[in-house]
Amino acid sequence: MRDFLTACCLALVIEGVAYALFPGAMQRMIAAMLALDPQTLRMFGLATAIAGILGIWLVRAAILTP
């Protein structure tokens, strides 16, 4: 549970830094996302989640395997 909460907080830090450093780009990105149809946005979200899970699996496997 501690790792999960740490990951959530890290996601907030990364997102906050993006909004602080690139507010105009973030606004354009949000506008572009609003123009997408829900199915495309859903597929993008699913692909991103799968990539994240794969990345976590690869990192954990590398750390846990000597």
PDB file of N, CA and C in Angstrom:
ATOM      1  N   MET A   1       0.822  -1.191   0.000  1.00  0.00           N
ATOM      2  CA  MET A   1       0.000   0.000   0.000  1.00  0.00           C
ATOM      3  C   MET A   1       0.868   1.259   0.000  1.00  0.00           C
ATOM      4  N   ARG A   2       1.999   1.165   0.689  1.00  0.00           N
ATOM      5  CA  ARG A   2       2.897   2.313   0.750  1.00  0.00           C
ATOM      6  C   ARG A   2       3.441   2.653  -0.639  1.00  0.00           C
ATOM      7  N   ASP A   3       3.811   1.629  -1.413  1.00  0.00           N
ATOM      8  CA  ASP A   3       4.304   1.861  -2.774  1.00  0.00           C
ATOM      9  C   ASP A   3       3.225   2.495  -3.644  1.00  0.00           C
ATOM     10  N   PHE A   4       1.983   2.043  -3.492  1.00  0.00           N
ATOM     11  CA  PHE A   4       0.876   2.589  -4.278  1.00  0.00           C
ATOM     12  C   PHE A   4       0.681   4.070  -3.973  1.00  0.00           C
ATOM     13  N   LEU A   5       0.668   4.428  -2.701  1.00  0.00           N
ATOM     14  CA  LEU A   5       0.488   5.829  -2.325  1.00  0.00           C
ATOM     15  C   LEU A   5       1.666   6.680  -2.788  1.00  0.00           C
ATOM     16  N   THR A   6       2.860   6.127  -2.717  1.00  0.00           N
ATOM     17  CA  THR A   6       4.033   6.840  -3.216  1.00  0.00           C
ATOM     18  C   THR A   6       3.909   7.086  -4.713  1.00  0.00           C
ATOM     19  N   ALA A   7       3.454   6.084  -5.450  1.00  0.00           N
ATOM     20  CA  ALA A   7       3.277   6.222  -6.897  1.00  0.00           C
ATOM     21  C   ALA A   7       2.224   7.275  -7.223  1.00  0.00           C
ATOM     22  N   CYS A   8       1.132   7.299  -6.476  1.00  0.00           N
ATOM     23  CA  CYS A   8       0.087   8.306  -6.692  1.00  0.00           C
ATOM     24  C   CYS A   8       0.624   9.709  -6.438  1.00  0.00           C
ATOM     25  N   CYS A   9       1.374   9.872  -5.370  1.00  0.00           N
ATOM     26  CA  CYS A   9       1.963  11.179  -5.058  1.00  0.00           C
ATOM     27  C   CYS A   9       2.970  11.590  -6.124  1.00  0.00           C
ATOM     28  N   LEU A  10       3.754  10.655  -6.621  1.00  0.00           N
ATOM     29  CA  LEU A  10       4.713  10.956  -7.678  1.00  0.00           C
ATOM     30  C   LEU A  10       3.994  11.385  -8.960  1.00  0.00           C
ATOM     31  N   ALA A  11       2.875  10.753  -9.268  1.00  0.00           N
ATOM     32  CA  ALA A  11       2.085  11.151 -10.433  1.00  0.00           C
ATOM     33  C   ALA A  11       1.593  12.589 -10.276  1.00  0.00           C
ATOM     34  N   LEU A  12       1.165  12.961  -9.073  1.00  0.00           N
ATOM     35  CA  LEU A  12       0.733  14.336  -8.815  1.00  0.00           C
ATOM     36  C   LEU A  12       1.885  15.321  -8.979  1.00  0.00           C
ATOM     37  N   VAL A  13       3.063  14.951  -8.511  1.00  0.00           N
ATOM     38  CA  VAL A  13       4.234  15.820  -8.655  1.00  0.00           C
ATOM     39  C   VAL A  13       4.552  16.035 -10.130  1.00  0.00           C
ATOM     40  N   ILE A  14       4.584  14.966 -10.900  1.00  0.00           N
ATOM     41  CA  ILE A  14       4.916  15.063 -12.322  1.00  0.00           C
ATOM     42  C   ILE A  14       3.878  15.908 -13.056  1.00  0.00           C
ATOM     43  N   GLU A  15       2.611  15.677 -12.775  1.00  0.00           N
ATOM     44  CA  GLU A  15       1.564  16.455 -13.431  1.00  0.00           C
ATOM     45  C   GLU A  15       1.632  17.917 -13.008  1.00  0.00           C
ATOM     46  N   GLY A  16       1.870  18.159 -11.738  1.00  0.00           N
ATOM     47  CA  GLY A  16       1.973  19.536 -11.256  1.00  0.00           C
ATOM     48  C   GLY A  16       3.125  20.284 -11.894  1.00  0.00           C
ATOM     49  N   VAL A  17       4.252  19.620 -12.050  1.00  0.00           N
ATOM     50  CA  VAL A  17       5.409  20.246 -12.688  1.00  0.00           C
ATOM     51  C   VAL A  17       5.088  20.576 -14.145  1.00  0.00           C
ATOM     52  N   ALA A  18       4.400  19.684 -14.832  1.00  0.00           N
ATOM     53  CA  ALA A  18       4.032  19.935 -16.227  1.00  0.00           C
ATOM     54  C   ALA A  18       3.137  21.168 -16.343  1.00  0.00           C
ATOM     55  N   TYR A  19       2.148  21.298 -15.462  1.00  0.00           N
ATOM     56  CA  TYR A  19       1.270  22.467 -15.482  1.00  0.00           C
ATOM     57  C   TYR A  19       2.023  23.734 -15.093  1.00  0.00           C
ATOM     58  N   ALA A  20       2.962  23.642 -14.157  1.00  0.00           N
ATOM     59  CA  ALA A  20       3.717  24.817 -13.713  1.00  0.00           C
ATOM     60  C   ALA A  20       4.695  25.303 -14.786  1.00  0.00           C
ATOM     61  N   LEU A  21       5.362  24.374 -15.463  1.00  0.00           N
ATOM     62  CA  LEU A  21       6.374  24.756 -16.446  1.00  0.00           C
ATOM     63  C   LEU A  21       5.803  25.046 -17.831  1.00  0.00           C
ATOM     64  N   PHE A  22       4.733  24.352 -18.211  1.00  0.00           N
ATOM     65  CA  PHE A  22       4.187  24.469 -19.567  1.00  0.00           C
ATOM     66  C   PHE A  22       2.674  24.682 -19.554  1.00  0.00           C
ATOM     67  N   PRO A  23       2.179  25.771 -18.954  1.00  0.00           N
ATOM     68  CA  PRO A  23       0.724  25.941 -18.853  1.00  0.00           C
ATOM     69  C   PRO A  23       0.032  26.054 -20.214  1.00  0.00           C
ATOM     70  N   GLY A  24       0.664  26.743 -21.157  1.00  0.00           N
ATOM     71  CA  GLY A  24       0.061  26.879 -22.483  1.00  0.00           C
ATOM     72  C   GLY A  24      -0.037  25.547 -23.209  1.00  0.00           C
ATOM     73  N   ALA A  25       1.023  24.769 -23.132  1.00  0.00           N
ATOM     74  CA  ALA A  25       1.024  23.457 -23.780  1.00  0.00           C
ATOM     75  C   ALA A  25      -0.014  22.541 -23.146  1.00  0.00           C
ATOM     76  N   MET A  26      -0.162  22.630 -21.831  1.00  0.00           N
ATOM     77  CA  MET A  26      -1.155  21.795 -21.149  1.00  0.00           C
ATOM     78  C   MET A  26      -2.568  22.196 -21.571  1.00  0.00           C
ATOM     79  N   GLN A  27      -2.818  23.498 -21.729  1.00  0.00           N
ATOM     80  CA  GLN A  27      -4.134  23.940 -22.191  1.00  0.00           C
ATOM     81  C   GLN A  27      -4.413  23.428 -23.600  1.00  0.00           C
ATOM     82  N   ARG A  28      -3.405  23.488 -24.474  1.00  0.00           N
ATOM     83  CA  ARG A  28      -3.591  22.980 -25.837  1.00  0.00           C
ATOM     84  C   ARG A  28      -3.840  21.478 -25.831  1.00  0.00           C
ATOM     85  N   MET A  29      -3.136  20.761 -24.967  1.00  0.00           N
ATOM     86  CA  MET A  29      -3.326  19.316 -24.879  1.00  0.00           C
ATOM     87  C   MET A  29      -4.745  18.987 -24.413  1.00  0.00           C
ATOM     88  N   ILE A  30      -5.230  19.716 -23.414  1.00  0.00           N
ATOM     89  CA  ILE A  30      -6.586  19.474 -22.917  1.00  0.00           C
ATOM     90  C   ILE A  30      -7.610  19.784 -24.004  1.00  0.00           C
ATOM     91  N   ALA A  31      -7.401  20.872 -24.746  1.00  0.00           N
ATOM     92  CA  ALA A  31      -8.315  21.211 -25.840  1.00  0.00           C
ATOM     93  C   ALA A  31      -8.310  20.118 -26.906  1.00  0.00           C
ATOM     94  N   ALA A  32      -7.133  19.583 -27.213  1.00  0.00           N
ATOM     95  CA  ALA A  32      -7.045  18.504 -28.202  1.00  0.00           C
ATOM     96  C   ALA A  32      -7.750  17.253 -27.699  1.00  0.00           C
ATOM     97  N   MET A  33      -7.627  16.966 -26.406  1.00  0.00           N
ATOM     98  CA  MET A  33      -8.295  15.787 -25.839  1.00  0.00           C
ATOM     99  C   MET A  33      -9.812  15.947 -25.869  1.00  0.00           C
ATOM    100  N   LEU A  34     -10.291  17.169 -25.649  1.00  0.00           N
ATOM    101  CA  LEU A  34     -11.733  17.406 -25.692  1.00  0.00           C
ATOM    102  C   LEU A  34     -12.298  17.185 -27.092  1.00  0.00           C
ATOM    103  N   ALA A  35     -11.457  17.373 -28.112  1.00  0.00           N
ATOM    104  CA  ALA A  35     -11.909  17.189 -29.489  1.00  0.00           C
ATOM    105  C   ALA A  35     -11.978  15.714 -29.887  1.00  0.00           C
ATOM    106  N   LEU A  36     -11.338  14.840 -29.132  1.00  0.00           N
ATOM    107  CA  LEU A  36     -11.346  13.411 -29.462  1.00  0.00           C
ATOM    108  C   LEU A  36     -12.681  12.773 -29.098  1.00  0.00           C
ATOM    109  N   ASP A  37     -13.061  11.769 -29.869  1.00  0.00           N
ATOM    110  CA  ASP A  37     -14.272  11.039 -29.510  1.00  0.00           C
ATOM    111  C   ASP A  37     -13.954  10.126 -28.318  1.00  0.00           C
ATOM    112  N   PRO A  38     -14.973   9.794 -27.523  1.00  0.00           N
ATOM    113  CA  PRO A  38     -14.737   9.012 -26.307  1.00  0.00           C
ATOM    114  C   PRO A  38     -14.042   7.669 -26.549  1.00  0.00           C
ATOM    115  N   GLN A  39     -14.337   7.001 -27.643  1.00  0.00           N
ATOM    116  CA  GLN A  39     -13.720   5.697 -27.917  1.00  0.00           C
ATOM    117  C   GLN A  39     -12.212   5.831 -28.135  1.00  0.00           C
ATOM    118  N   THR A  40     -11.798   6.854 -28.869  1.00  0.00           N
ATOM    119  CA  THR A  40     -10.368   7.089 -29.087  1.00  0.00           C
ATOM    120  C   THR A  40      -9.669   7.400 -27.773  1.00  0.00           C
ATOM    121  N   LEU A  41     -10.295   8.234 -26.963  1.00  0.00           N
ATOM    122  CA  LEU A  41      -9.730   8.587 -25.662  1.00  0.00           C
ATOM    123  C   LEU A  41      -9.641   7.361 -24.753  1.00  0.00           C
ATOM    124  N   ARG A  42     -10.653   6.514 -24.810  1.00  0.00           N
ATOM    125  CA  ARG A  42     -10.655   5.281 -24.014  1.00  0.00           C
ATOM    126  C   ARG A  42      -9.517   4.357 -24.446  1.00  0.00           C
ATOM    127  N   MET A  43      -9.311   4.205 -25.753  1.00  0.00           N
ATOM    128  CA  MET A  43      -8.234   3.350 -26.259  1.00  0.00           C
ATOM    129  C   MET A  43      -6.864   3.914 -25.886  1.00  0.00           C
ATOM    130  N   PHE A  44      -6.713   5.228 -25.957  1.00  0.00           N
ATOM    131  CA  PHE A  44      -5.455   5.854 -25.558  1.00  0.00           C
ATOM    132  C   PHE A  44      -5.190   5.621 -24.072  1.00  0.00           C
ATOM    133  N   GLY A  45      -6.211   5.775 -23.251  1.00  0.00           N
ATOM    134  CA  GLY A  45      -6.072   5.530 -21.818  1.00  0.00           C
ATOM    135  C   GLY A  45      -5.716   4.090 -21.521  1.00  0.00           C
ATOM    136  N   LEU A  46      -6.348   3.163 -22.212  1.00  0.00           N
ATOM    137  CA  LEU A  46      -6.056   1.742 -22.022  1.00  0.00           C
ATOM    138  C   LEU A  46      -4.622   1.415 -22.439  1.00  0.00           C
ATOM    139  N   ALA A  47      -4.195   1.949 -23.576  1.00  0.00           N
ATOM    140  CA  ALA A  47      -2.826   1.706 -24.040  1.00  0.00           C
ATOM    141  C   ALA A  47      -1.808   2.291 -23.061  1.00  0.00           C
ATOM    142  N   THR A  48      -2.102   3.467 -22.532  1.00  0.00           N
ATOM    143  CA  THR A  48      -1.208   4.089 -21.558  1.00  0.00           C
ATOM    144  C   THR A  48      -1.129   3.260 -20.283  1.00  0.00           C
ATOM    145  N   ALA A  49      -2.263   2.770 -19.803  1.00  0.00           N
ATOM    146  CA  ALA A  49      -2.288   1.945 -18.594  1.00  0.00           C
ATOM    147  C   ALA A  49      -1.504   0.651 -18.806  1.00  0.00           C
ATOM    148  N   ILE A  50      -1.675   0.025 -19.957  1.00  0.00           N
ATOM    149  CA  ILE A  50      -0.943  -1.213 -20.254  1.00  0.00           C
ATOM    150  C   ILE A  50       0.559  -0.940 -20.325  1.00  0.00           C
ATOM    151  N   ALA A  51       0.941   0.175 -20.952  1.00  0.00           N
ATOM    152  CA  ALA A  51       2.363   0.527 -21.014  1.00  0.00           C
ATOM    153  C   ALA A  51       2.925   0.757 -19.612  1.00  0.00           C
ATOM    154  N   GLY A  52       2.151   1.388 -18.754  1.00  0.00           N
ATOM    155  CA  GLY A  52       2.588   1.608 -17.375  1.00  0.00           C
ATOM    156  C   GLY A  52       2.744   0.315 -16.607  1.00  0.00           C
ATOM    157  N   ILE A  53       1.787  -0.581 -16.758  1.00  0.00           N
ATOM    158  CA  ILE A  53       1.862  -1.884 -16.083  1.00  0.00           C
ATOM    159  C   ILE A  53       3.073  -2.669 -16.582  1.00  0.00           C
ATOM    160  N   LEU A  54       3.299  -2.655 -17.884  1.00  0.00           N
ATOM    161  CA  LEU A  54       4.462  -3.343 -18.451  1.00  0.00           C
ATOM    162  C   LEU A  54       5.759  -2.733 -17.920  1.00  0.00           C
ATOM    163  N   GLY A  55       5.812  -1.410 -17.857  1.00  0.00           N
ATOM    164  CA  GLY A  55       6.999  -0.744 -17.333  1.00  0.00           C
ATOM    165  C   GLY A  55       7.265  -1.105 -15.885  1.00  0.00           C
ATOM    166  N   ILE A  56       6.228  -1.113 -15.069  1.00  0.00           N
ATOM    167  CA  ILE A  56       6.377  -1.498 -13.660  1.00  0.00           C
ATOM    168  C   ILE A  56       6.865  -2.937 -13.565  1.00  0.00           C
ATOM    169  N   TRP A  57       6.283  -3.809 -14.361  1.00  0.00           N
ATOM    170  CA  TRP A  57       6.677  -5.216 -14.339  1.00  0.00           C
ATOM    171  C   TRP A  57       8.153  -5.375 -14.713  1.00  0.00           C
ATOM    172  N   LEU A  58       8.589  -4.658 -15.744  1.00  0.00           N
ATOM    173  CA  LEU A  58       9.989  -4.749 -16.167  1.00  0.00           C
ATOM    174  C   LEU A  58      10.934  -4.211 -15.096  1.00  0.00           C
ATOM    175  N   VAL A  59      10.574  -3.094 -14.492  1.00  0.00           N
ATOM    176  CA  VAL A  59      11.426  -2.511 -13.446  1.00  0.00           C
ATOM    177  C   VAL A  59      11.487  -3.422 -12.235  1.00  0.00           C
ATOM    178  N   ARG A  60      10.344  -3.924 -11.806  1.00  0.00           N
ATOM    179  CA  ARG A  60      10.319  -4.801 -10.632  1.00  0.00           C
ATOM    180  C   ARG A  60      11.064  -6.102 -10.902  1.00  0.00           C
ATOM    181  N   ALA A  61      10.941  -6.646 -12.101  1.00  0.00           N
ATOM    182  CA  ALA A  61      11.636  -7.889 -12.434  1.00  0.00           C
ATOM    183  C   ALA A  61      13.143  -7.667 -12.431  1.00  0.00           C
ATOM    184  N   ALA A  62      13.587  -6.519 -12.922  1.00  0.00           N
ATOM    185  CA  ALA A  62      15.018  -6.219 -12.956  1.00  0.00           C
ATOM    186  C   ALA A  62      15.564  -6.006 -11.551  1.00  0.00           C
ATOM    187  N   ILE A  63      14.774  -5.414 -10.681  1.00  0.00           N
ATOM    188  CA  ILE A  63      15.218  -5.150  -9.312  1.00  0.00           C
ATOM    189  C   ILE A  63      15.211  -6.429  -8.484  1.00  0.00           C
ATOM    190  N   LEU A  64      14.206  -7.264  -8.670  1.00  0.00           N
ATOM    191  CA  LEU A  64      14.063  -8.451  -7.842  1.00  0.00           C
ATOM    192  C   LEU A  64      14.914  -9.618  -8.315  1.00  0.00           C
ATOM    193  N   THR A  65      15.382  -9.570  -9.547  1.00  0.00           N
ATOM    194  CA  THR A  65      16.197 -10.654 -10.091  1.00  0.00           C
ATOM    195  C   THR A  65      17.666 -10.254 -10.020  1.00  0.00           C
ATOM    196  N   PRO A  66      18.489 -11.050  -9.364  1.00  0.00           N
ATOM    197  CA  PRO A  66      19.920 -10.682  -9.249  1.00  0.00           C
ATOM    198  C   PRO A  66      20.664 -10.776 -10.564  1.00  0.00           C
TER     199      PRO A  66
END
